[in-house]
Amino acid sequence: MTADNTTSTMHTSQDRTSADNAILSGNAQPTTPEQKDHADNWALFSTCNIRGASWVNIMGWYQSAGDGSFFTVLNETVNGKQVPVLFSASGAEAWTDAHYYLSADLATAQKNTKYAEDHSRDDDDDSNSDSQSNDDDSSDQTDDNDSDSQQDDSDTQSDNDNNSVDTNDDNDDDDY
């Protein structure tokens, strides 16, 4: 996978050595050139089922904290046609961060679109807390915008690089 001019190779947890596991558990540091290369250029790839859809989870090779980044492609209806939309998500509940489209024009047209499959941090908020992400005026206060029906203001982007990950790792399926 290449992003921001950096190429990372995807690996499953089965590729980890005992030395890798010692580093992962915090009992050692990457010291050899090979381990340093893994820290800089390797990523952990796994698949999981989230809310009924298959997602890819990508984490740093030695990442032990955080949930990594989640990705899935779902077909959505846009102007009466089914189009593939790449969803990216992060966090403990795989909250939707952004949508990616096959063209910049489609991305622009779909900016700020919320799909039924989107999951935002405010979806889990039954407390009417003061979350900025659902305040239209960017104020951080409890107001009428603090409701479960608020639209997510996800960044809408396009991906014209057509980068893809092709693997079949059914051993790491987790249900979230």
N, C-alpha and C. Protein backbone atom coordinates (compact mmCIF):
# COMPACT_ATOMS: atom_id res chain seq x y z
N MET A 1 0.85 -1.16 0.00
CA MET A 1 0.00 0.00 0.00
C MET A 1 0.90 1.22 0.00
N THR A 2 0.55 2.22 -0.79
CA THR A 2 1.30 3.46 -0.84
C THR A 2 0.39 4.62 -0.46
N ALA A 3 0.85 5.42 0.49
CA ALA A 3 0.13 6.62 0.90
C ALA A 3 1.16 7.67 1.29
N ASP A 4 0.94 8.89 0.86
CA ASP A 4 1.86 9.99 1.17
C ASP A 4 3.30 9.64 0.79
N ASN A 5 3.47 9.03 -0.37
CA ASN A 5 4.79 8.65 -0.90
C ASN A 5 5.54 7.65 -0.03
N THR A 6 4.84 6.95 0.85
CA THR A 6 5.44 5.92 1.68
C THR A 6 4.77 4.60 1.36
N THR A 7 5.58 3.59 1.09
CA THR A 7 5.04 2.27 0.78
C THR A 7 5.17 1.37 2.01
N SER A 8 4.07 0.77 2.39
CA SER A 8 4.05 -0.19 3.49
C SER A 8 3.58 -1.52 2.95
N THR A 9 4.17 -2.58 3.45
CA THR A 9 3.70 -3.91 3.07
C THR A 9 2.78 -4.43 4.15
N MET A 10 1.72 -5.10 3.73
CA MET A 10 0.72 -5.62 4.65
C MET A 10 1.07 -7.05 5.03
N HIS A 11 0.93 -7.35 6.30
CA HIS A 11 1.22 -8.68 6.81
C HIS A 11 0.15 -9.07 7.82
N THR A 12 -0.01 -10.36 8.03
CA THR A 12 -0.93 -10.84 9.06
C THR A 12 -0.13 -11.12 10.32
N SER A 13 -0.84 -11.33 11.42
CA SER A 13 -0.17 -11.60 12.69
C SER A 13 0.64 -12.90 12.62
N GLN A 14 0.32 -13.77 11.69
CA GLN A 14 1.07 -15.02 11.53
C GLN A 14 2.50 -14.77 11.08
N ASP A 15 2.78 -13.58 10.54
CA ASP A 15 4.13 -13.24 10.09
C ASP A 15 5.01 -12.74 11.23
N ARG A 16 4.45 -12.55 12.41
CA ARG A 16 5.23 -12.04 13.54
C ARG A 16 6.12 -13.14 14.11
N THR A 17 7.35 -12.74 14.41
CA THR A 17 8.31 -13.65 15.05
C THR A 17 8.21 -13.48 16.56
N SER A 18 8.90 -14.33 17.31
CA SER A 18 8.93 -14.17 18.77
C SER A 18 9.58 -12.84 19.14
N ALA A 19 10.58 -12.40 18.38
CA ALA A 19 11.20 -11.10 18.63
C ALA A 19 10.20 -9.97 18.37
N ASP A 20 9.40 -10.09 17.31
CA ASP A 20 8.35 -9.10 17.04
C ASP A 20 7.35 -9.05 18.20
N ASN A 21 6.96 -10.21 18.70
CA ASN A 21 6.00 -10.27 19.80
C ASN A 21 6.57 -9.65 21.08
N ALA A 22 7.88 -9.81 21.31
CA ALA A 22 8.51 -9.19 22.48
C ALA A 22 8.47 -7.67 22.35
N ILE A 23 8.71 -7.16 21.15
CA ILE A 23 8.63 -5.72 20.92
C ILE A 23 7.19 -5.24 21.10
N LEU A 24 6.26 -5.99 20.55
CA LEU A 24 4.84 -5.64 20.64
C LEU A 24 4.37 -5.58 22.09
N SER A 25 4.86 -6.48 22.92
CA SER A 25 4.43 -6.51 24.32
C SER A 25 5.16 -5.50 25.19
N GLY A 26 6.12 -4.79 24.62
CA GLY A 26 6.83 -3.76 25.37
C GLY A 26 8.05 -4.27 26.09
N ASN A 27 8.42 -5.53 25.88
CA ASN A 27 9.58 -6.11 26.55
C ASN A 27 10.87 -5.89 25.80
N ALA A 28 10.82 -5.28 24.64
CA ALA A 28 12.02 -5.04 23.83
C ALA A 28 11.75 -3.86 22.91
N GLN A 29 12.80 -3.36 22.30
CA GLN A 29 12.71 -2.27 21.33
C GLN A 29 13.24 -2.79 19.99
N PRO A 30 12.76 -2.24 18.86
CA PRO A 30 13.33 -2.63 17.57
C PRO A 30 14.77 -2.14 17.48
N THR A 31 15.71 -3.07 17.40
CA THR A 31 17.12 -2.69 17.37
C THR A 31 17.83 -3.12 16.09
N THR A 32 17.41 -4.21 15.49
CA THR A 32 18.09 -4.68 14.28
C THR A 32 17.58 -3.89 13.09
N PRO A 33 18.37 -3.83 12.01
CA PRO A 33 17.88 -3.16 10.80
C PRO A 33 16.55 -3.73 10.31
N GLU A 34 16.41 -5.06 10.39
CA GLU A 34 15.16 -5.69 9.95
C GLU A 34 13.98 -5.23 10.81
N GLN A 35 14.16 -5.19 12.13
CA GLN A 35 13.09 -4.76 13.02
C GLN A 35 12.75 -3.28 12.80
N LYS A 36 13.76 -2.46 12.58
CA LYS A 36 13.51 -1.04 12.31
C LYS A 36 12.77 -0.87 10.99
N ASP A 37 13.11 -1.70 9.99
CA ASP A 37 12.38 -1.67 8.72
C ASP A 37 10.92 -2.07 8.93
N HIS A 38 10.69 -3.08 9.76
CA HIS A 38 9.32 -3.49 10.05
C HIS A 38 8.55 -2.36 10.73
N ALA A 39 9.21 -1.67 11.67
CA ALA A 39 8.55 -0.57 12.38
C ALA A 39 8.17 0.55 11.41
N ASP A 40 9.03 0.80 10.43
CA ASP A 40 8.79 1.91 9.49
C ASP A 40 7.93 1.54 8.29
N ASN A 41 8.00 0.29 7.85
CA ASN A 41 7.42 -0.05 6.55
C ASN A 41 6.44 -1.21 6.54
N TRP A 42 6.19 -1.83 7.66
CA TRP A 42 5.25 -2.94 7.70
C TRP A 42 3.97 -2.50 8.41
N ALA A 43 2.87 -3.07 8.00
CA ALA A 43 1.59 -2.82 8.66
C ALA A 43 0.89 -4.15 8.91
N LEU A 44 0.12 -4.20 9.97
CA LEU A 44 -0.67 -5.39 10.30
C LEU A 44 -2.02 -5.27 9.61
N PHE A 45 -2.37 -6.29 8.86
CA PHE A 45 -3.61 -6.34 8.11
C PHE A 45 -4.49 -7.42 8.71
N SER A 46 -5.74 -7.09 8.99
CA SER A 46 -6.70 -8.10 9.41
C SER A 46 -8.07 -7.72 8.87
N THR A 47 -8.96 -8.68 8.87
CA THR A 47 -10.33 -8.42 8.44
C THR A 47 -11.26 -8.62 9.64
N CYS A 48 -12.38 -7.94 9.61
CA CYS A 48 -13.35 -8.07 10.69
C CYS A 48 -14.74 -7.75 10.16
N ASN A 49 -15.74 -8.16 10.91
CA ASN A 49 -17.12 -7.87 10.57
C ASN A 49 -17.61 -6.79 11.52
N ILE A 50 -18.02 -5.66 10.96
CA ILE A 50 -18.51 -4.55 11.76
C ILE A 50 -19.90 -4.19 11.26
N ARG A 51 -20.87 -4.29 12.12
CA ARG A 51 -22.26 -3.96 11.79
C ARG A 51 -22.71 -4.62 10.49
N GLY A 52 -22.31 -5.88 10.30
CA GLY A 52 -22.76 -6.66 9.16
C GLY A 52 -21.97 -6.51 7.88
N ALA A 53 -20.91 -5.73 7.89
CA ALA A 53 -20.09 -5.54 6.69
C ALA A 53 -18.66 -6.00 6.96
N SER A 54 -17.99 -6.47 5.93
CA SER A 54 -16.59 -6.87 6.04
C SER A 54 -15.70 -5.64 5.93
N TRP A 55 -14.83 -5.46 6.88
CA TRP A 55 -13.92 -4.31 6.93
C TRP A 55 -12.49 -4.82 6.98
N VAL A 56 -11.56 -4.00 6.51
CA VAL A 56 -10.13 -4.22 6.64
C VAL A 56 -9.66 -3.32 7.77
N ASN A 57 -8.83 -3.87 8.66
CA ASN A 57 -8.24 -3.07 9.73
C ASN A 57 -6.73 -3.05 9.50
N ILE A 58 -6.15 -1.85 9.53
CA ILE A 58 -4.71 -1.69 9.33
C ILE A 58 -4.13 -0.97 10.54
N MET A 59 -3.10 -1.58 11.10
CA MET A 59 -2.41 -1.02 12.26
C MET A 59 -0.91 -1.04 12.00
N GLY A 60 -0.18 -0.27 12.77
CA GLY A 60 1.27 -0.33 12.69
C GLY A 60 1.76 -1.71 13.12
N TRP A 61 2.88 -2.15 12.57
CA TRP A 61 3.38 -3.50 12.85
C TRP A 61 3.58 -3.73 14.34
N TYR A 62 4.08 -2.74 15.05
CA TYR A 62 4.30 -2.88 16.49
C TYR A 62 3.29 -2.07 17.30
N GLN A 63 2.18 -1.71 16.70
CA GLN A 63 1.16 -0.91 17.38
C GLN A 63 0.45 -1.74 18.42
N SER A 64 0.45 -1.26 19.66
CA SER A 64 -0.25 -1.98 20.72
C SER A 64 -1.39 -1.16 21.33
N ALA A 65 -1.45 0.12 21.03
CA ALA A 65 -2.53 0.96 21.54
C ALA A 65 -3.32 1.53 20.36
N GLY A 66 -4.60 1.72 20.57
CA GLY A 66 -5.43 2.26 19.51
C GLY A 66 -5.97 1.15 18.62
N ASP A 67 -6.93 1.52 17.80
CA ASP A 67 -7.64 0.54 16.99
C ASP A 67 -7.23 0.52 15.54
N GLY A 68 -6.30 1.36 15.13
CA GLY A 68 -5.90 1.39 13.74
C GLY A 68 -6.93 2.08 12.88
N SER A 69 -6.84 1.83 11.59
CA SER A 69 -7.77 2.42 10.62
C SER A 69 -8.57 1.32 9.97
N PHE A 70 -9.84 1.57 9.76
CA PHE A 70 -10.76 0.61 9.17
C PHE A 70 -11.19 1.10 7.79
N PHE A 71 -11.36 0.16 6.85
CA PHE A 71 -11.79 0.51 5.50
C PHE A 71 -12.76 -0.55 4.98
N THR A 72 -13.77 -0.11 4.26
CA THR A 72 -14.67 -1.02 3.56
C THR A 72 -15.20 -0.30 2.32
N VAL A 73 -15.59 -1.06 1.32
CA VAL A 73 -16.25 -0.50 0.14
C VAL A 73 -17.68 -1.02 0.14
N LEU A 74 -18.61 -0.09 0.10
CA LEU A 74 -20.02 -0.42 0.06
C LEU A 74 -20.64 0.25 -1.16
N ASN A 75 -21.60 -0.41 -1.76
CA ASN A 75 -22.33 0.19 -2.88
C ASN A 75 -23.43 1.07 -2.32
N GLU A 76 -23.45 2.32 -2.74
CA GLU A 76 -24.45 3.28 -2.30
C GLU A 76 -25.21 3.80 -3.51
N THR A 77 -26.45 4.19 -3.31
CA THR A 77 -27.26 4.74 -4.38
C THR A 77 -27.00 6.24 -4.48
N VAL A 78 -26.48 6.66 -5.62
CA VAL A 78 -26.21 8.07 -5.90
C VAL A 78 -26.89 8.40 -7.22
N ASN A 79 -27.83 9.33 -7.18
CA ASN A 79 -28.58 9.70 -8.38
C ASN A 79 -29.21 8.49 -9.06
N GLY A 80 -29.74 7.58 -8.25
CA GLY A 80 -30.42 6.40 -8.77
C GLY A 80 -29.51 5.28 -9.24
N LYS A 81 -28.20 5.45 -9.14
CA LYS A 81 -27.25 4.43 -9.58
C LYS A 81 -26.45 3.92 -8.39
N GLN A 82 -26.10 2.64 -8.44
CA GLN A 82 -25.24 2.06 -7.42
C GLN A 82 -23.79 2.40 -7.75
N VAL A 83 -23.09 3.02 -6.80
CA VAL A 83 -21.67 3.35 -6.99
C VAL A 83 -20.89 2.87 -5.78
N PRO A 84 -19.65 2.41 -6.01
CA PRO A 84 -18.83 1.99 -4.87
C PRO A 84 -18.33 3.21 -4.11
N VAL A 85 -18.44 3.14 -2.79
CA VAL A 85 -17.95 4.21 -1.92
C VAL A 85 -17.02 3.57 -0.90
N LEU A 86 -15.81 4.10 -0.80
CA LEU A 86 -14.85 3.64 0.20
C LEU A 86 -15.11 4.41 1.48
N PHE A 87 -15.40 3.68 2.55
CA PHE A 87 -15.59 4.27 3.87
C PHE A 87 -14.30 4.10 4.65
N SER A 88 -13.85 5.14 5.33
CA SER A 88 -12.75 4.99 6.27
C SER A 88 -13.30 5.32 7.65
N ALA A 89 -12.80 4.59 8.64
CA ALA A 89 -13.29 4.76 10.01
C ALA A 89 -12.14 4.56 10.98
N SER A 90 -12.36 5.02 12.20
CA SER A 90 -11.35 4.84 13.23
C SER A 90 -12.03 4.79 14.59
N GLY A 91 -11.26 4.47 15.60
CA GLY A 91 -11.76 4.47 16.96
C GLY A 91 -12.35 3.14 17.38
N ALA A 92 -12.69 3.06 18.65
CA ALA A 92 -13.16 1.83 19.25
C ALA A 92 -14.44 1.30 18.61
N GLU A 93 -15.26 2.17 18.07
CA GLU A 93 -16.52 1.75 17.46
C GLU A 93 -16.48 1.87 15.94
N ALA A 94 -15.30 2.01 15.37
CA ALA A 94 -15.15 2.19 13.91
C ALA A 94 -16.07 3.30 13.42
N TRP A 95 -15.85 4.50 13.97
CA TRP A 95 -16.64 5.67 13.60
C TRP A 95 -16.21 6.17 12.23
N THR A 96 -17.16 6.49 11.37
CA THR A 96 -16.87 6.94 10.01
C THR A 96 -16.13 8.27 10.04
N ASP A 97 -14.99 8.30 9.35
CA ASP A 97 -14.18 9.52 9.23
C ASP A 97 -14.40 10.21 7.89
N ALA A 98 -14.51 9.41 6.82
CA ALA A 98 -14.57 10.00 5.48
C ALA A 98 -15.12 8.99 4.49
N HIS A 99 -15.54 9.53 3.34
CA HIS A 99 -15.95 8.71 2.19
C HIS A 99 -15.02 9.05 1.04
N TYR A 100 -14.70 8.07 0.23
CA TYR A 100 -13.85 8.28 -0.95
C TYR A 100 -14.58 7.76 -2.17
N TYR A 101 -14.42 8.46 -3.30
CA TYR A 101 -15.14 8.15 -4.52
C TYR A 101 -14.17 7.95 -5.67
N LEU A 102 -14.66 7.42 -6.76
CA LEU A 102 -13.81 7.15 -7.92
C LEU A 102 -13.48 8.40 -8.72
N SER A 103 -14.20 9.50 -8.48
CA SER A 103 -13.89 10.73 -9.21
C SER A 103 -14.03 11.93 -8.28
N ALA A 104 -13.28 12.97 -8.59
CA ALA A 104 -13.36 14.21 -7.81
C ALA A 104 -14.74 14.85 -7.97
N ASP A 105 -15.33 14.77 -9.16
CA ASP A 105 -16.66 15.35 -9.38
C ASP A 105 -17.70 14.69 -8.48
N LEU A 106 -17.65 13.36 -8.39
CA LEU A 106 -18.60 12.65 -7.55
C LEU A 106 -18.36 12.99 -6.08
N ALA A 107 -17.10 13.10 -5.69
CA ALA A 107 -16.78 13.47 -4.30
C ALA A 107 -17.34 14.84 -3.97
N THR A 108 -17.19 15.78 -4.88
CA THR A 108 -17.71 17.13 -4.66
C THR A 108 -19.23 17.11 -4.56
N ALA A 109 -19.87 16.37 -5.45
CA ALA A 109 -21.34 16.30 -5.45
C ALA A 109 -21.88 15.63 -4.19
N GLN A 110 -21.13 14.70 -3.62
CA GLN A 110 -21.59 13.95 -2.46
C GLN A 110 -21.06 14.49 -1.14
N LYS A 111 -20.39 15.63 -1.19
CA LYS A 111 -19.82 16.20 0.03
C LYS A 111 -20.89 16.32 1.10
N ASN A 112 -20.53 15.93 2.31
CA ASN A 112 -21.40 15.98 3.49
C ASN A 112 -22.57 15.01 3.44
N THR A 113 -22.55 14.04 2.53
CA THR A 113 -23.60 13.03 2.49
C THR A 113 -23.41 12.07 3.64
N LYS A 114 -24.49 11.74 4.32
CA LYS A 114 -24.47 10.75 5.38
C LYS A 114 -25.22 9.53 4.88
N TYR A 115 -24.55 8.39 4.92
CA TYR A 115 -25.16 7.14 4.49
C TYR A 115 -25.69 6.38 5.71
N ALA A 116 -26.63 5.49 5.46
CA ALA A 116 -27.22 4.71 6.56
C ALA A 116 -26.14 3.91 7.31
N GLU A 117 -25.09 3.52 6.61
CA GLU A 117 -24.03 2.71 7.24
C GLU A 117 -23.02 3.55 8.03
N ASP A 118 -23.11 4.88 7.93
CA ASP A 118 -22.21 5.74 8.70
C ASP A 118 -22.48 5.56 10.19
N HIS A 119 -21.42 5.62 10.96
CA HIS A 119 -21.52 5.52 12.41
C HIS A 119 -20.67 6.64 12.99
N SER A 120 -21.29 7.56 13.71
CA SER A 120 -20.53 8.68 14.27
C SER A 120 -20.45 8.56 15.78
N ARG A 121 -19.53 9.31 16.36
CA ARG A 121 -19.38 9.30 17.81
C ARG A 121 -20.67 9.73 18.50
N ASP A 122 -21.42 10.61 17.88
CA ASP A 122 -22.66 11.08 18.47
C ASP A 122 -23.78 10.05 18.41
N ASP A 123 -23.63 9.01 17.56
CA ASP A 123 -24.64 7.96 17.50
C ASP A 123 -24.75 7.23 18.83
N ASP A 124 -23.65 7.16 19.58
CA ASP A 124 -23.62 6.44 20.84
C ASP A 124 -23.88 7.35 22.03
N ASP A 125 -24.18 8.61 21.77
CA ASP A 125 -24.29 9.60 22.83
C ASP A 125 -25.75 9.76 23.25
N ASP A 126 -26.11 9.11 24.34
CA ASP A 126 -27.47 9.24 24.87
C ASP A 126 -27.55 10.32 25.94
N SER A 127 -26.45 11.00 26.20
CA SER A 127 -26.41 11.92 27.33
C SER A 127 -26.65 13.37 26.96
N ASN A 128 -26.84 13.68 25.69
CA ASN A 128 -26.95 15.07 25.24
C ASN A 128 -25.72 15.87 25.64
N SER A 129 -24.57 15.24 25.54
CA SER A 129 -23.34 15.92 25.93
C SER A 129 -23.01 17.03 24.94
N ASP A 130 -22.02 17.82 25.29
CA ASP A 130 -21.67 18.97 24.47
C ASP A 130 -20.56 18.61 23.49
N SER A 131 -20.92 17.90 22.46
CA SER A 131 -19.96 17.49 21.44
C SER A 131 -19.92 18.51 20.32
N GLN A 132 -18.72 19.03 20.02
CA GLN A 132 -18.59 20.01 18.95
C GLN A 132 -18.97 19.43 17.60
N SER A 133 -18.78 18.13 17.42
CA SER A 133 -19.00 17.56 16.10
C SER A 133 -20.45 17.64 15.66
N ASN A 134 -21.36 17.91 16.58
CA ASN A 134 -22.75 18.05 16.15
C ASN A 134 -23.29 19.45 16.40
N ASP A 135 -22.40 20.42 16.62
CA ASP A 135 -22.80 21.81 16.77
C ASP A 135 -22.53 22.55 15.48
N ASP A 136 -23.59 23.01 14.81
CA ASP A 136 -23.44 23.68 13.53
C ASP A 136 -22.61 24.95 13.61
N ASP A 137 -22.64 25.63 14.75
CA ASP A 137 -21.93 26.90 14.86
C ASP A 137 -20.54 26.74 15.49
N SER A 138 -20.05 25.53 15.61
CA SER A 138 -18.73 25.20 16.17
C SER A 138 -18.59 25.56 17.64
N SER A 139 -19.68 25.88 18.30
CA SER A 139 -19.61 26.12 19.74
C SER A 139 -19.63 24.78 20.45
N ASP A 140 -19.08 24.75 21.63
CA ASP A 140 -19.02 23.51 22.38
C ASP A 140 -20.00 23.59 23.55
N GLN A 141 -21.28 23.49 23.21
CA GLN A 141 -22.28 23.59 24.25
C GLN A 141 -23.45 22.68 23.93
N THR A 142 -24.13 22.24 24.97
CA THR A 142 -25.31 21.41 24.78
C THR A 142 -26.41 22.29 24.21
N ASP A 143 -26.98 21.84 23.11
CA ASP A 143 -28.02 22.62 22.45
C ASP A 143 -28.90 21.70 21.63
N ASP A 144 -29.75 22.27 20.80
CA ASP A 144 -30.67 21.47 19.99
C ASP A 144 -29.95 20.57 19.01
N ASN A 145 -28.67 20.83 18.74
CA ASN A 145 -27.93 19.98 17.81
C ASN A 145 -27.50 18.67 18.44
N ASP A 146 -27.57 18.56 19.76
CA ASP A 146 -27.16 17.34 20.44
C ASP A 146 -28.30 16.33 20.41
N SER A 147 -28.44 15.65 19.27
CA SER A 147 -29.48 14.64 19.14
C SER A 147 -28.95 13.50 18.30
N ASP A 148 -29.61 12.36 18.42
CA ASP A 148 -29.17 11.18 17.68
C ASP A 148 -29.40 11.30 16.19
N SER A 149 -30.20 12.27 15.75
CA SER A 149 -30.53 12.36 14.33
C SER A 149 -29.64 13.33 13.57
N GLN A 150 -28.60 13.88 14.20
CA GLN A 150 -27.74 14.84 13.53
C GLN A 150 -26.95 14.21 12.41
N GLN A 151 -26.73 14.99 11.36
CA GLN A 151 -25.91 14.53 10.24
C GLN A 151 -24.45 14.68 10.59
N ASP A 152 -23.64 13.72 10.16
CA ASP A 152 -22.20 13.74 10.33
C ASP A 152 -21.60 14.68 9.29
N ASP A 153 -20.58 15.43 9.66
CA ASP A 153 -19.92 16.36 8.75
C ASP A 153 -18.61 15.75 8.26
N SER A 154 -18.65 14.51 7.79
CA SER A 154 -17.44 13.80 7.37
C SER A 154 -16.77 14.50 6.21
N ASP A 155 -15.46 14.47 6.20
CA ASP A 155 -14.72 14.99 5.06
C ASP A 155 -14.95 14.06 3.88
N THR A 156 -15.27 14.63 2.75
CA THR A 156 -15.51 13.84 1.55
C THR A 156 -14.32 14.04 0.64
N GLN A 157 -13.73 12.94 0.23
CA GLN A 157 -12.52 13.01 -0.56
C GLN A 157 -12.63 12.04 -1.72
N SER A 158 -11.74 12.20 -2.67
CA SER A 158 -11.71 11.25 -3.77
C SER A 158 -10.37 10.55 -3.77
N ASP A 159 -10.36 9.36 -4.33
CA ASP A 159 -9.14 8.58 -4.42
C ASP A 159 -8.98 8.17 -5.87
N ASN A 160 -8.11 8.86 -6.59
CA ASN A 160 -7.90 8.55 -7.99
C ASN A 160 -6.69 7.66 -8.21
N ASP A 161 -5.99 7.27 -7.10
CA ASP A 161 -4.81 6.44 -7.24
C ASP A 161 -5.14 4.97 -7.45
N ASN A 162 -6.37 4.57 -7.12
CA ASN A 162 -6.82 3.19 -7.25
C ASN A 162 -5.89 2.22 -6.55
N ASN A 163 -5.37 2.61 -5.38
CA ASN A 163 -4.57 1.69 -4.58
C ASN A 163 -5.50 0.66 -3.98
N SER A 164 -5.04 -0.57 -3.90
CA SER A 164 -5.87 -1.60 -3.32
C SER A 164 -5.01 -2.61 -2.58
N VAL A 165 -5.65 -3.32 -1.69
CA VAL A 165 -5.01 -4.39 -0.95
C VAL A 165 -5.71 -5.66 -1.38
N ASP A 166 -4.96 -6.65 -1.82
CA ASP A 166 -5.56 -7.90 -2.27
C ASP A 166 -5.02 -9.02 -1.39
N THR A 167 -5.84 -9.45 -0.46
CA THR A 167 -5.45 -10.55 0.42
C THR A 167 -6.71 -11.27 0.85
N ASN A 168 -6.56 -12.48 1.27
CA ASN A 168 -7.67 -13.26 1.77
C ASN A 168 -7.25 -13.82 3.10
N ASP A 169 -7.48 -13.06 4.17
CA ASP A 169 -7.03 -13.44 5.49
C ASP A 169 -8.25 -13.74 6.35
N ASP A 170 -8.81 -14.92 6.18
CA ASP A 170 -10.01 -15.27 6.91
C ASP A 170 -9.73 -15.70 8.34
N ASN A 171 -8.45 -15.81 8.71
CA ASN A 171 -8.12 -16.27 10.05
C ASN A 171 -8.27 -15.18 11.09
N ASP A 172 -8.35 -13.93 10.68
CA ASP A 172 -8.40 -12.83 11.63
C ASP A 172 -9.77 -12.19 11.71
N ASP A 173 -10.84 -12.89 11.31
CA ASP A 173 -12.18 -12.31 11.37
C ASP A 173 -12.60 -12.12 12.81
N ASP A 174 -12.93 -10.91 13.15
CA ASP A 174 -13.44 -10.57 14.47
C ASP A 174 -14.78 -9.89 14.27
N ASP A 175 -15.66 -10.05 15.22
CA ASP A 175 -16.94 -9.34 15.18
C ASP A 175 -16.88 -8.18 16.15
N TYR A 176 -17.23 -7.00 15.67
CA TYR A 176 -17.26 -5.80 16.51
C TYR A 176 -18.68 -5.35 16.65
